[in-house]
Amino acid sequence: MLKKTLAGLTLGVAMFAGQAMAADYQIDKEGQHAFVTFKISHLGYSWIYGTFKDFDGSFSFDAAKPEASKVKVDLKTASVDTNHAERDKHLRSAEYLNVEKNPTASFESTAVKSTGKDTADITGNLTLNGVTKPVVIKAKFLGEGKDPWGGYRAGFEGDTTLKLEDFGMKGPGPASQELELIISFEGVRK
């Protein structure tokens, strides 16, 4: 009788644990399946696009309970690349990213709110140029499933608009005071 009770209890705990367990993922930056990019107006005449080439991150995700999800991303500010060496040097200076004083930027979620079938608002703290501010990333779930190498993956994208002045920076003109930050990544389940 004791064996049956323990077996039933073990099975019940295992079933309950499997129902609401978020899976942990490592962002796949090595396979070139993750990007942290941005665009900003150049004086109102065109767009400047850029990316950060060196970053890492992880997330937890449960499709049945997206509000329990979490995201953390850290990036090296010196890895900024706009395909123009002199501009990149200027962006690394104390006027903008101040990479000597602030070598990393980070985002860590504090809440996830489902906004639709495959969308959510991810609220979190963004630290950039030594300043930490709450931001909301509009996120979209792209899909999940097995990969050809025996792993399991999930993918997301999201974007937010940042006011440069909130992070101690000033753009070159009135049309260049906001930046759109776009994050797209695929993670491999740990």
Protein backbone atom coordinates (compact mmCIF):
# COMPACT_ATOMS: atom_id res chain seq x y z
CA MET A 1 0.00 0.00 0.00
CA LEU A 2 2.85 2.40 0.89
CA LYS A 3 4.61 1.65 -2.41
CA LYS A 4 1.42 2.42 -4.38
CA THR A 5 0.91 5.68 -2.47
CA LEU A 6 4.53 6.79 -3.04
CA ALA A 7 4.36 5.82 -6.72
CA GLY A 8 1.10 7.76 -7.14
CA LEU A 9 2.52 10.77 -5.32
CA THR A 10 5.69 10.71 -7.45
CA LEU A 11 3.66 10.48 -10.67
CA GLY A 12 1.35 13.30 -9.52
CA VAL A 13 4.28 15.58 -8.67
CA ALA A 14 5.94 14.81 -12.02
CA MET A 15 2.73 15.55 -13.94
CA PHE A 16 2.11 18.79 -12.05
CA ALA A 17 5.71 19.93 -12.51
CA GLY A 18 5.51 19.27 -16.25
CA GLN A 19 2.37 21.38 -16.67
CA ALA A 20 3.78 24.75 -15.68
CA MET A 21 7.51 24.46 -16.15
CA ALA A 22 9.21 27.09 -18.25
CA ALA A 23 12.09 25.82 -20.35
CA ASP A 24 15.43 27.62 -20.25
CA TYR A 25 17.13 28.65 -23.51
CA GLN A 26 20.52 30.04 -24.46
CA ILE A 27 20.43 32.62 -27.25
CA ASP A 28 22.12 31.16 -30.34
CA LYS A 29 24.53 33.92 -31.29
CA GLU A 30 27.19 31.48 -32.52
CA GLY A 31 24.94 30.16 -35.27
CA GLN A 32 24.11 33.70 -36.43
CA HIS A 33 20.49 33.30 -35.33
CA ALA A 34 20.40 36.35 -33.09
CA PHE A 35 20.64 40.08 -33.79
CA VAL A 36 20.54 43.29 -31.78
CA THR A 37 20.06 46.06 -34.34
CA PHE A 38 18.90 49.65 -34.42
CA LYS A 39 17.91 52.41 -36.78
CA ILE A 40 17.93 56.14 -36.31
CA SER A 41 17.00 58.97 -38.62
CA HIS A 42 19.89 60.83 -40.23
CA LEU A 43 18.72 64.44 -40.04
CA GLY A 44 15.28 63.39 -41.27
CA TYR A 45 16.63 62.49 -44.73
CA SER A 46 17.48 58.79 -44.44
CA TRP A 47 18.09 56.00 -41.92
CA ILE A 48 21.30 54.86 -40.32
CA TYR A 49 21.21 51.16 -39.45
CA GLY A 50 23.54 49.51 -36.99
CA THR A 51 24.09 46.39 -34.97
CA PHE A 52 25.92 45.16 -31.90
CA LYS A 53 28.03 42.17 -32.88
CA ASP A 54 29.03 40.91 -29.42
CA PHE A 55 26.24 39.96 -27.03
CA ASP A 56 24.91 37.02 -25.07
CA GLY A 57 21.70 36.15 -23.36
CA SER A 58 19.19 33.64 -22.17
CA PHE A 59 15.47 33.32 -21.65
CA SER A 60 12.86 31.11 -20.04
CA PHE A 61 9.67 30.39 -21.94
CA ASP A 62 6.50 28.37 -21.42
CA ALA A 63 3.95 28.71 -24.25
CA ALA A 64 1.15 27.71 -21.86
CA LYS A 65 2.08 30.47 -19.40
CA PRO A 66 3.92 33.26 -21.26
CA GLU A 67 3.63 35.67 -18.32
CA ALA A 68 6.14 33.48 -16.45
CA SER A 69 8.76 34.06 -19.17
CA LYS A 70 12.02 35.91 -18.51
CA VAL A 71 14.70 37.47 -20.73
CA LYS A 72 18.25 38.68 -20.03
CA VAL A 73 20.62 40.09 -22.66
CA ASP A 74 24.08 41.61 -22.16
CA LEU A 75 26.03 43.27 -24.96
CA LYS A 76 29.47 44.78 -25.44
CA THR A 77 28.98 48.41 -26.44
CA ALA A 78 32.32 48.54 -28.29
CA SER A 79 30.91 46.02 -30.77
CA VAL A 80 28.63 48.68 -32.34
CA ASP A 81 28.85 48.54 -36.14
CA THR A 82 27.13 50.91 -38.58
CA ASN A 83 29.33 49.95 -41.55
CA HIS A 84 31.28 53.22 -41.24
CA ALA A 85 34.49 53.20 -39.16
CA GLU A 86 34.58 56.92 -38.31
CA ARG A 87 30.92 56.97 -37.25
CA ASP A 88 31.46 53.84 -35.13
CA LYS A 89 34.43 55.51 -33.45
CA HIS A 90 32.21 58.55 -32.71
CA LEU A 91 29.43 56.31 -31.31
CA ARG A 92 31.97 54.64 -28.97
CA SER A 93 33.09 58.05 -27.63
CA ALA A 94 31.98 59.73 -24.40
CA GLU A 95 29.38 61.70 -26.39
CA TYR A 96 27.35 58.53 -27.03
CA LEU A 97 28.03 55.02 -25.71
CA ASN A 98 31.14 55.96 -23.68
CA VAL A 99 32.47 52.41 -24.05
CA GLU A 100 35.52 52.97 -21.85
CA LYS A 101 33.33 53.87 -18.88
CA ASN A 102 30.33 51.67 -19.84
CA PRO A 103 31.63 48.59 -21.67
CA THR A 104 28.34 46.71 -21.38
CA ALA A 105 24.66 47.41 -21.86
CA SER A 106 21.95 45.08 -20.62
CA PHE A 107 18.26 44.32 -20.61
CA GLU A 108 16.54 42.24 -17.94
CA SER A 109 12.81 41.63 -17.98
CA THR A 110 10.63 42.37 -14.96
CA ALA A 111 7.22 41.40 -16.39
CA VAL A 112 5.66 39.80 -19.45
CA LYS A 113 2.07 40.56 -20.44
CA SER A 114 0.37 38.62 -23.22
CA THR A 115 -1.24 40.96 -25.77
CA GLY A 116 -2.49 38.42 -28.31
CA LYS A 117 -2.08 34.89 -29.62
CA ASP A 118 1.65 35.27 -30.36
CA THR A 119 2.45 38.72 -28.97
CA ALA A 120 3.44 40.17 -25.62
CA ASP A 121 4.73 43.31 -23.96
CA ILE A 122 8.00 42.60 -22.18
CA THR A 123 8.74 45.21 -19.52
CA GLY A 124 12.24 45.38 -18.17
CA ASN A 125 15.20 47.47 -17.18
CA LEU A 126 17.54 48.65 -19.93
CA THR A 127 20.97 49.85 -18.86
CA LEU A 128 22.68 51.90 -21.55
CA ASN A 129 25.44 54.50 -21.22
CA GLY A 130 25.41 53.92 -17.45
CA VAL A 131 21.72 54.82 -17.14
CA THR A 132 19.00 52.30 -16.21
CA LYS A 133 15.44 52.98 -17.37
CA PRO A 134 12.32 50.83 -17.67
CA VAL A 135 11.33 50.07 -21.27
CA VAL A 136 8.62 47.98 -22.94
CA ILE A 137 9.55 45.70 -25.82
CA LYS A 138 6.73 44.72 -28.18
CA ALA A 139 7.53 41.05 -28.73
CA LYS A 140 6.31 38.42 -31.16
CA PHE A 141 6.70 34.66 -30.79
CA LEU A 142 7.97 33.28 -34.11
CA GLY A 143 7.86 29.55 -33.40
CA GLU A 144 9.42 26.59 -31.64
CA GLY A 145 10.34 22.99 -32.37
CA LYS A 146 13.05 20.41 -32.89
CA ASP A 147 16.10 21.28 -34.96
CA PRO A 148 18.02 18.92 -37.33
CA TRP A 149 20.80 18.43 -34.76
CA GLY A 150 18.69 16.92 -31.98
CA GLY A 151 18.03 20.14 -30.08
CA TYR A 152 14.92 22.17 -29.45
CA ARG A 153 14.61 25.86 -30.38
CA ALA A 154 12.29 28.83 -29.90
CA GLY A 155 12.42 32.17 -31.69
CA PHE A 156 11.23 35.70 -30.96
CA GLU A 157 11.56 39.24 -32.21
CA GLY A 158 10.77 42.52 -30.57
CA ASP A 159 11.26 46.25 -30.82
CA THR A 160 11.10 49.39 -28.75
CA THR A 161 11.75 53.08 -29.30
CA LEU A 162 14.29 54.83 -27.08
CA LYS A 163 14.66 58.54 -26.46
CA LEU A 164 18.38 59.27 -26.55
CA GLU A 165 18.08 61.95 -23.86
CA ASP A 166 16.75 59.32 -21.42
CA PHE A 167 20.18 57.67 -21.64
CA GLY A 168 22.31 60.83 -21.54
CA MET A 169 22.80 61.18 -25.30
CA LYS A 170 21.77 63.72 -27.90
CA GLY A 171 21.30 63.08 -31.62
CA PRO A 172 22.75 65.36 -34.32
CA GLY A 173 19.43 67.08 -35.09
CA PRO A 174 15.73 67.33 -34.15
CA ALA A 175 14.76 64.32 -36.29
CA SER A 176 17.49 62.18 -34.71
CA GLN A 177 16.45 62.10 -31.05
CA GLU A 178 14.83 58.66 -31.01
CA LEU A 179 16.24 55.29 -31.91
CA GLU A 180 14.35 52.11 -32.79
CA LEU A 181 15.92 49.05 -31.18
CA ILE A 182 15.14 45.69 -32.78
CA ILE A 183 15.99 42.36 -31.16
CA SER A 184 15.57 39.08 -33.01
CA PHE A 185 16.79 35.79 -31.61
CA GLU A 186 16.51 32.06 -31.63
CA GLY A 187 17.36 30.14 -28.49
CA VAL A 188 18.48 26.56 -27.94
CA ARG A 189 16.87 24.78 -25.00
CA LYS A 190 19.39 23.91 -22.30
